[in-house]
Amino acid sequence: MVAMVKITYTQELMGTMALFDRVTHVSLKDCFEDKNQLLTFVVDAQDIGRAIGKQAVCVKRLEQLLKRKVRVLGFHADVREFVKYVIYPLQVAVIELENGILYLKDEDRKTKSLLIGRNAQNLRNTEATIQRFFPEITEVKVE
C-alpha cells in the first residue's frame, strides 16, 4: 500500500491556478513551484497543445502576467510516459522501473549531464516532480 502525499495550496497559488484556467481554457490537474522558482502546471496529456497555445501564446501570456517562468507538463497515468513529459525536450533511450527506483539510461554523455545538472539539481527537481504523482518511486537514477 502506497501512502498518499498530502498537498496544500496557498491562496496565491489558487489565484494562479484560476488565472491559468482563464488564459488557457484547459482544466488543470496540478500546479506547483520547484526549487528554482519555476511555476509548473500539469494538465492531461491530450490537452497539452491547447494549454501551450499556437506558437506558445498561452505560455508567453502567463509568463507576462505572472512575471516568472512557466512550464506546462502533460500528465499520463503510466510513469514511463509521464517521465518523457517531465524531461522534455531531452530524450533517453530506456526508462526502467525496478523496485521503486526509476532508471533513465542513455549513451549520450551530454544528455546525462543535462539530466543531472550542477550539484544534481535537475535530477532532484525531476525526482520531486515524479514523486508528487507517483509516490511509490523512491529514487531516480541516470545511467
N, C-alpha and C. Protein backbone atom coordinates (compact mmCIF):
# COMPACT_ATOMS: atom_id res chain seq x y z
N MET A 1 0.85 -1.18 0.00
CA MET A 1 0.00 0.00 0.00
C MET A 1 0.89 1.24 0.00
N VAL A 2 0.61 2.15 -0.88
CA VAL A 2 1.39 3.38 -1.01
C VAL A 2 0.70 4.51 -0.26
N ALA A 3 1.47 5.23 0.54
CA ALA A 3 0.91 6.36 1.28
C ALA A 3 0.70 7.53 0.33
N MET A 4 -0.44 8.19 0.44
CA MET A 4 -0.73 9.34 -0.41
C MET A 4 -0.04 10.58 0.17
N VAL A 5 0.41 11.43 -0.71
CA VAL A 5 1.07 12.66 -0.32
C VAL A 5 -0.01 13.72 -0.16
N LYS A 6 0.01 14.43 0.97
CA LYS A 6 -0.96 15.49 1.19
C LYS A 6 -0.42 16.78 0.58
N ILE A 7 -1.22 17.37 -0.31
CA ILE A 7 -0.81 18.58 -0.99
C ILE A 7 -1.70 19.72 -0.53
N THR A 8 -1.08 20.82 -0.12
CA THR A 8 -1.84 22.00 0.26
C THR A 8 -1.47 23.15 -0.66
N TYR A 9 -2.45 23.99 -0.95
CA TYR A 9 -2.25 25.13 -1.84
C TYR A 9 -2.41 26.42 -1.05
N THR A 10 -1.56 27.40 -1.36
CA THR A 10 -1.71 28.73 -0.75
C THR A 10 -2.77 29.51 -1.51
N GLN A 11 -3.23 30.58 -0.93
CA GLN A 11 -4.21 31.44 -1.59
C GLN A 11 -3.64 32.00 -2.89
N GLU A 12 -2.36 32.37 -2.87
CA GLU A 12 -1.70 32.90 -4.06
C GLU A 12 -1.67 31.87 -5.18
N LEU A 13 -1.35 30.63 -4.83
CA LEU A 13 -1.30 29.57 -5.82
C LEU A 13 -2.68 29.26 -6.39
N MET A 14 -3.70 29.35 -5.56
CA MET A 14 -5.08 29.13 -6.04
C MET A 14 -5.45 30.21 -7.06
N GLY A 15 -5.04 31.45 -6.81
CA GLY A 15 -5.28 32.53 -7.76
C GLY A 15 -4.54 32.30 -9.06
N THR A 16 -3.32 31.80 -8.97
CA THR A 16 -2.51 31.48 -10.15
C THR A 16 -3.18 30.38 -10.97
N MET A 17 -3.73 29.39 -10.28
CA MET A 17 -4.42 28.30 -10.96
C MET A 17 -5.66 28.81 -11.69
N ALA A 18 -6.39 29.72 -11.07
CA ALA A 18 -7.57 30.31 -11.70
C ALA A 18 -7.17 31.12 -12.93
N LEU A 19 -6.06 31.85 -12.83
CA LEU A 19 -5.56 32.63 -13.97
C LEU A 19 -5.20 31.71 -15.14
N PHE A 20 -4.54 30.59 -14.83
CA PHE A 20 -4.19 29.60 -15.86
C PHE A 20 -5.46 29.13 -16.58
N ASP A 21 -6.48 28.83 -15.80
CA ASP A 21 -7.74 28.36 -16.36
C ASP A 21 -8.38 29.41 -17.28
N ARG A 22 -8.34 30.66 -16.87
CA ARG A 22 -8.92 31.75 -17.68
C ARG A 22 -8.14 31.97 -18.98
N VAL A 23 -6.81 31.88 -18.91
CA VAL A 23 -5.98 32.14 -20.09
C VAL A 23 -6.03 30.99 -21.08
N THR A 24 -5.97 29.74 -20.59
CA THR A 24 -5.84 28.59 -21.49
C THR A 24 -7.16 27.88 -21.79
N HIS A 25 -8.13 28.00 -20.92
CA HIS A 25 -9.41 27.28 -21.04
C HIS A 25 -9.19 25.77 -21.02
N VAL A 26 -8.21 25.34 -20.24
CA VAL A 26 -7.89 23.93 -20.07
C VAL A 26 -7.98 23.60 -18.59
N SER A 27 -8.59 22.45 -18.26
CA SER A 27 -8.69 22.08 -16.85
C SER A 27 -7.32 21.64 -16.33
N LEU A 28 -6.99 22.10 -15.16
CA LEU A 28 -5.68 21.92 -14.56
C LEU A 28 -5.70 20.74 -13.60
N LYS A 29 -4.69 19.89 -13.68
CA LYS A 29 -4.56 18.78 -12.74
C LYS A 29 -3.84 19.21 -11.47
N ASP A 30 -2.76 19.98 -11.64
CA ASP A 30 -1.95 20.39 -10.50
C ASP A 30 -1.11 21.60 -10.88
N CYS A 31 -0.64 22.30 -9.88
CA CYS A 31 0.25 23.44 -10.07
C CYS A 31 1.20 23.48 -8.88
N PHE A 32 2.48 23.68 -9.14
CA PHE A 32 3.45 23.75 -8.05
C PHE A 32 4.67 24.54 -8.50
N GLU A 33 5.47 24.87 -7.52
CA GLU A 33 6.69 25.65 -7.75
C GLU A 33 7.87 24.78 -7.33
N ASP A 34 8.91 24.70 -8.18
CA ASP A 34 10.07 23.90 -7.79
C ASP A 34 11.10 24.78 -7.09
N LYS A 35 12.24 24.19 -6.78
CA LYS A 35 13.28 24.91 -6.03
C LYS A 35 13.89 26.07 -6.80
N ASN A 36 13.73 26.06 -8.14
CA ASN A 36 14.26 27.15 -8.97
C ASN A 36 13.24 28.25 -9.21
N GLN A 37 12.14 28.23 -8.46
CA GLN A 37 11.06 29.21 -8.61
C GLN A 37 10.35 29.08 -9.95
N LEU A 38 10.47 27.94 -10.61
CA LEU A 38 9.79 27.69 -11.87
C LEU A 38 8.38 27.21 -11.56
N LEU A 39 7.39 27.85 -12.14
CA LEU A 39 5.99 27.51 -11.91
C LEU A 39 5.58 26.44 -12.91
N THR A 40 5.15 25.29 -12.42
CA THR A 40 4.81 24.16 -13.28
C THR A 40 3.32 23.88 -13.20
N PHE A 41 2.69 23.83 -14.37
CA PHE A 41 1.27 23.49 -14.48
C PHE A 41 1.18 22.11 -15.11
N VAL A 42 0.33 21.24 -14.54
CA VAL A 42 0.17 19.89 -15.05
C VAL A 42 -1.26 19.75 -15.57
N VAL A 43 -1.36 19.35 -16.84
CA VAL A 43 -2.66 19.13 -17.49
C VAL A 43 -2.67 17.72 -18.06
N ASP A 44 -3.84 17.25 -18.48
CA ASP A 44 -3.91 15.94 -19.15
C ASP A 44 -3.07 15.98 -20.42
N ALA A 45 -2.47 14.86 -20.77
CA ALA A 45 -1.58 14.80 -21.93
C ALA A 45 -2.26 15.24 -23.22
N GLN A 46 -3.54 14.91 -23.38
CA GLN A 46 -4.22 15.29 -24.62
C GLN A 46 -4.53 16.78 -24.68
N ASP A 47 -4.45 17.50 -23.56
CA ASP A 47 -4.74 18.95 -23.53
C ASP A 47 -3.50 19.81 -23.60
N ILE A 48 -2.33 19.22 -23.69
CA ILE A 48 -1.09 19.99 -23.59
C ILE A 48 -0.95 21.00 -24.74
N GLY A 49 -1.37 20.63 -25.93
CA GLY A 49 -1.28 21.55 -27.07
C GLY A 49 -2.14 22.78 -26.87
N ARG A 50 -3.37 22.59 -26.38
CA ARG A 50 -4.26 23.72 -26.10
C ARG A 50 -3.72 24.58 -24.96
N ALA A 51 -3.12 23.94 -23.96
CA ALA A 51 -2.61 24.68 -22.81
C ALA A 51 -1.42 25.56 -23.21
N ILE A 52 -0.58 25.08 -24.10
CA ILE A 52 0.59 25.85 -24.55
C ILE A 52 0.15 26.92 -25.54
N GLY A 53 -0.76 26.57 -26.43
CA GLY A 53 -1.27 27.52 -27.42
C GLY A 53 -0.43 27.54 -28.67
N LYS A 54 -1.00 28.08 -29.75
CA LYS A 54 -0.25 28.19 -31.01
C LYS A 54 0.92 29.12 -30.80
N GLN A 55 2.10 28.66 -31.21
CA GLN A 55 3.35 29.40 -31.05
C GLN A 55 3.56 29.82 -29.59
N ALA A 56 3.12 28.98 -28.67
CA ALA A 56 3.28 29.16 -27.22
C ALA A 56 2.65 30.46 -26.71
N VAL A 57 1.59 30.90 -27.35
CA VAL A 57 0.97 32.17 -26.98
C VAL A 57 0.42 32.16 -25.55
N CYS A 58 -0.16 31.05 -25.11
CA CYS A 58 -0.71 30.98 -23.75
C CYS A 58 0.41 31.02 -22.70
N VAL A 59 1.48 30.29 -22.96
CA VAL A 59 2.61 30.27 -22.02
C VAL A 59 3.24 31.66 -21.93
N LYS A 60 3.43 32.30 -23.06
CA LYS A 60 4.01 33.65 -23.07
C LYS A 60 3.12 34.64 -22.32
N ARG A 61 1.81 34.52 -22.51
CA ARG A 61 0.85 35.40 -21.82
C ARG A 61 0.92 35.18 -20.31
N LEU A 62 0.97 33.92 -19.89
CA LEU A 62 1.07 33.62 -18.46
C LEU A 62 2.37 34.16 -17.87
N GLU A 63 3.48 33.98 -18.59
CA GLU A 63 4.77 34.49 -18.10
C GLU A 63 4.73 36.01 -17.97
N GLN A 64 4.06 36.66 -18.90
CA GLN A 64 3.94 38.12 -18.86
C GLN A 64 3.08 38.56 -17.66
N LEU A 65 1.96 37.88 -17.44
CA LEU A 65 1.07 38.25 -16.35
C LEU A 65 1.66 37.92 -14.98
N LEU A 66 2.35 36.79 -14.88
CA LEU A 66 2.90 36.34 -13.59
C LEU A 66 4.32 36.86 -13.33
N LYS A 67 4.96 37.37 -14.38
CA LYS A 67 6.34 37.88 -14.29
C LYS A 67 7.30 36.81 -13.76
N ARG A 68 7.16 35.59 -14.31
CA ARG A 68 8.05 34.49 -13.96
C ARG A 68 7.98 33.40 -15.01
N LYS A 69 8.93 32.50 -14.98
CA LYS A 69 9.00 31.40 -15.94
C LYS A 69 7.90 30.37 -15.64
N VAL A 70 7.33 29.82 -16.70
CA VAL A 70 6.23 28.87 -16.58
C VAL A 70 6.55 27.63 -17.42
N ARG A 71 6.17 26.46 -16.92
CA ARG A 71 6.34 25.21 -17.65
C ARG A 71 5.00 24.47 -17.61
N VAL A 72 4.62 23.87 -18.73
CA VAL A 72 3.39 23.09 -18.81
C VAL A 72 3.77 21.64 -19.08
N LEU A 73 3.30 20.74 -18.21
CA LEU A 73 3.57 19.30 -18.34
C LEU A 73 2.29 18.56 -18.67
N GLY A 74 2.42 17.50 -19.45
CA GLY A 74 1.30 16.61 -19.71
C GLY A 74 1.33 15.47 -18.72
N PHE A 75 0.18 15.16 -18.13
CA PHE A 75 0.12 14.05 -17.18
C PHE A 75 -0.30 12.78 -17.90
N HIS A 76 0.35 11.68 -17.56
CA HIS A 76 0.00 10.38 -18.09
C HIS A 76 0.00 9.39 -16.93
N ALA A 77 -0.95 8.48 -16.91
CA ALA A 77 -1.06 7.53 -15.80
C ALA A 77 0.11 6.55 -15.74
N ASP A 78 0.77 6.30 -16.88
CA ASP A 78 1.93 5.43 -16.91
C ASP A 78 3.17 6.25 -16.55
N VAL A 79 3.92 5.81 -15.56
CA VAL A 79 5.06 6.58 -15.07
C VAL A 79 6.10 6.80 -16.16
N ARG A 80 6.32 5.83 -17.03
CA ARG A 80 7.33 5.97 -18.09
C ARG A 80 6.94 7.08 -19.07
N GLU A 81 5.66 7.13 -19.43
CA GLU A 81 5.18 8.18 -20.33
C GLU A 81 5.23 9.55 -19.66
N PHE A 82 4.89 9.58 -18.37
CA PHE A 82 4.94 10.85 -17.62
C PHE A 82 6.37 11.38 -17.55
N VAL A 83 7.34 10.50 -17.35
CA VAL A 83 8.75 10.90 -17.28
C VAL A 83 9.18 11.56 -18.58
N LYS A 84 8.68 11.07 -19.72
CA LYS A 84 9.02 11.67 -21.01
C LYS A 84 8.58 13.14 -21.05
N TYR A 85 7.41 13.45 -20.48
CA TYR A 85 6.94 14.83 -20.42
C TYR A 85 7.80 15.66 -19.46
N VAL A 86 8.20 15.07 -18.35
CA VAL A 86 8.98 15.80 -17.34
C VAL A 86 10.35 16.18 -17.86
N ILE A 87 11.01 15.28 -18.59
CA ILE A 87 12.38 15.56 -19.04
C ILE A 87 12.44 16.21 -20.42
N TYR A 88 11.29 16.38 -21.09
CA TYR A 88 11.25 17.01 -22.41
C TYR A 88 11.92 18.38 -22.36
N PRO A 89 12.75 18.77 -23.30
CA PRO A 89 13.00 18.24 -24.63
C PRO A 89 14.07 17.15 -24.69
N LEU A 90 14.64 16.76 -23.56
CA LEU A 90 15.62 15.68 -23.56
C LEU A 90 14.91 14.34 -23.78
N GLN A 91 15.62 13.42 -24.38
CA GLN A 91 15.09 12.08 -24.60
C GLN A 91 16.13 11.07 -24.19
N VAL A 92 15.67 10.00 -23.55
CA VAL A 92 16.58 8.93 -23.15
C VAL A 92 16.21 7.66 -23.91
N ALA A 93 17.19 6.76 -24.04
CA ALA A 93 16.98 5.52 -24.79
C ALA A 93 16.05 4.57 -24.04
N VAL A 94 16.25 4.43 -22.72
CA VAL A 94 15.49 3.46 -21.94
C VAL A 94 15.05 4.09 -20.62
N ILE A 95 13.79 3.83 -20.24
CA ILE A 95 13.28 4.22 -18.92
C ILE A 95 12.82 2.92 -18.26
N GLU A 96 13.50 2.54 -17.18
CA GLU A 96 13.18 1.29 -16.48
C GLU A 96 12.74 1.58 -15.06
N LEU A 97 11.79 0.79 -14.58
CA LEU A 97 11.33 0.89 -13.20
C LEU A 97 11.61 -0.44 -12.52
N GLU A 98 12.39 -0.38 -11.43
CA GLU A 98 12.80 -1.59 -10.75
C GLU A 98 12.83 -1.35 -9.24
N ASN A 99 11.97 -2.04 -8.50
CA ASN A 99 11.93 -1.94 -7.03
C ASN A 99 11.81 -0.49 -6.55
N GLY A 100 10.98 0.29 -7.19
CA GLY A 100 10.76 1.67 -6.77
C GLY A 100 11.82 2.64 -7.24
N ILE A 101 12.82 2.17 -7.96
CA ILE A 101 13.87 3.04 -8.49
C ILE A 101 13.67 3.19 -9.99
N LEU A 102 13.67 4.41 -10.45
CA LEU A 102 13.47 4.71 -11.86
C LEU A 102 14.83 4.98 -12.49
N TYR A 103 15.19 4.21 -13.51
CA TYR A 103 16.47 4.36 -14.18
C TYR A 103 16.26 5.03 -15.54
N LEU A 104 16.98 6.11 -15.78
CA LEU A 104 16.99 6.79 -17.08
C LEU A 104 18.33 6.45 -17.72
N LYS A 105 18.28 5.66 -18.80
CA LYS A 105 19.52 5.18 -19.41
C LYS A 105 19.69 5.76 -20.80
N ASP A 106 20.91 6.26 -21.07
CA ASP A 106 21.24 6.79 -22.38
C ASP A 106 22.75 6.75 -22.57
N GLU A 107 23.18 6.64 -23.81
CA GLU A 107 24.61 6.59 -24.12
C GLU A 107 25.23 7.98 -24.21
N ASP A 108 24.45 8.98 -24.57
CA ASP A 108 24.96 10.33 -24.79
C ASP A 108 25.32 11.01 -23.46
N ARG A 109 26.59 11.37 -23.32
CA ARG A 109 27.06 11.99 -22.08
C ARG A 109 26.43 13.36 -21.85
N LYS A 110 26.20 14.10 -22.93
CA LYS A 110 25.61 15.44 -22.80
C LYS A 110 24.18 15.33 -22.24
N THR A 111 23.41 14.38 -22.73
CA THR A 111 22.05 14.18 -22.22
C THR A 111 22.09 13.83 -20.74
N LYS A 112 23.00 12.93 -20.38
CA LYS A 112 23.13 12.55 -18.97
C LYS A 112 23.48 13.75 -18.10
N SER A 113 24.42 14.57 -18.55
CA SER A 113 24.84 15.72 -17.75
C SER A 113 23.71 16.74 -17.63
N LEU A 114 22.91 16.92 -18.68
CA LEU A 114 21.78 17.84 -18.60
C LEU A 114 20.69 17.30 -17.68
N LEU A 115 20.49 15.99 -17.67
CA LEU A 115 19.51 15.40 -16.77
C LEU A 115 19.92 15.58 -15.31
N ILE A 116 21.21 15.45 -15.05
CA ILE A 116 21.70 15.54 -13.67
C ILE A 116 21.82 16.99 -13.23
N GLY A 117 22.47 17.83 -14.03
CA GLY A 117 22.63 19.25 -13.67
C GLY A 117 23.71 19.47 -12.64
N ARG A 118 24.00 20.75 -12.39
CA ARG A 118 25.01 21.10 -11.40
C ARG A 118 24.53 20.72 -10.00
N ASN A 119 25.38 20.03 -9.25
CA ASN A 119 25.06 19.55 -7.91
C ASN A 119 23.79 18.69 -7.89
N ALA A 120 23.51 17.99 -8.99
CA ALA A 120 22.35 17.11 -9.14
C ALA A 120 21.02 17.86 -8.96
N GLN A 121 21.04 19.15 -9.21
CA GLN A 121 19.85 19.98 -9.01
C GLN A 121 18.72 19.58 -9.96
N ASN A 122 19.01 19.38 -11.24
CA ASN A 122 17.98 18.97 -12.21
C ASN A 122 17.40 17.61 -11.86
N LEU A 123 18.27 16.71 -11.44
CA LEU A 123 17.83 15.36 -11.08
C LEU A 123 16.89 15.40 -9.88
N ARG A 124 17.21 16.19 -8.87
CA ARG A 124 16.36 16.30 -7.67
C ARG A 124 15.01 16.94 -8.00
N ASN A 125 15.00 17.95 -8.90
CA ASN A 125 13.73 18.55 -9.31
C ASN A 125 12.88 17.55 -10.08
N THR A 126 13.52 16.78 -10.97
CA THR A 126 12.80 15.75 -11.72
C THR A 126 12.24 14.70 -10.78
N GLU A 127 13.05 14.29 -9.82
CA GLU A 127 12.64 13.30 -8.84
C GLU A 127 11.45 13.79 -8.02
N ALA A 128 11.49 15.03 -7.57
CA ALA A 128 10.40 15.60 -6.77
C ALA A 128 9.11 15.68 -7.58
N THR A 129 9.22 16.05 -8.85
CA THR A 129 8.03 16.14 -9.71
C THR A 129 7.41 14.76 -9.91
N ILE A 130 8.23 13.77 -10.17
CA ILE A 130 7.73 12.41 -10.39
C ILE A 130 7.12 11.86 -9.10
N GLN A 131 7.75 12.09 -7.96
CA GLN A 131 7.25 11.57 -6.69
C GLN A 131 5.94 12.25 -6.27
N ARG A 132 5.69 13.44 -6.76
CA ARG A 132 4.43 14.14 -6.45
C ARG A 132 3.23 13.35 -6.99
N PHE A 133 3.40 12.71 -8.14
CA PHE A 133 2.32 11.97 -8.76
C PHE A 133 2.45 10.46 -8.60
N PHE A 134 3.67 9.98 -8.39
CA PHE A 134 3.93 8.56 -8.22
C PHE A 134 4.77 8.37 -6.96
N PRO A 135 4.15 8.42 -5.77
CA PRO A 135 4.92 8.34 -4.52
C PRO A 135 5.64 7.00 -4.32
N GLU A 136 5.29 6.00 -5.10
CA GLU A 136 5.98 4.70 -4.97
C GLU A 136 7.39 4.74 -5.54
N ILE A 137 7.73 5.79 -6.31
CA ILE A 137 9.09 5.96 -6.84
C ILE A 137 9.94 6.53 -5.71
N THR A 138 10.95 5.79 -5.30
CA THR A 138 11.80 6.24 -4.20
C THR A 138 12.99 7.04 -4.66
N GLU A 139 13.47 6.76 -5.89
CA GLU A 139 14.66 7.43 -6.37
C GLU A 139 14.70 7.40 -7.90
N VAL A 140 15.37 8.42 -8.48
CA VAL A 140 15.59 8.47 -9.92
C VAL A 140 17.08 8.44 -10.14
N LYS A 141 17.55 7.53 -11.01
CA LYS A 141 18.98 7.43 -11.30
C LYS A 141 19.22 7.56 -12.79
N VAL A 142 20.32 8.22 -13.14
CA VAL A 142 20.72 8.37 -14.54
C VAL A 142 21.92 7.47 -14.79
N GLU A 143 21.81 6.64 -15.80
CA GLU A 143 22.92 5.72 -16.12
C GLU A 143 23.32 5.87 -17.57
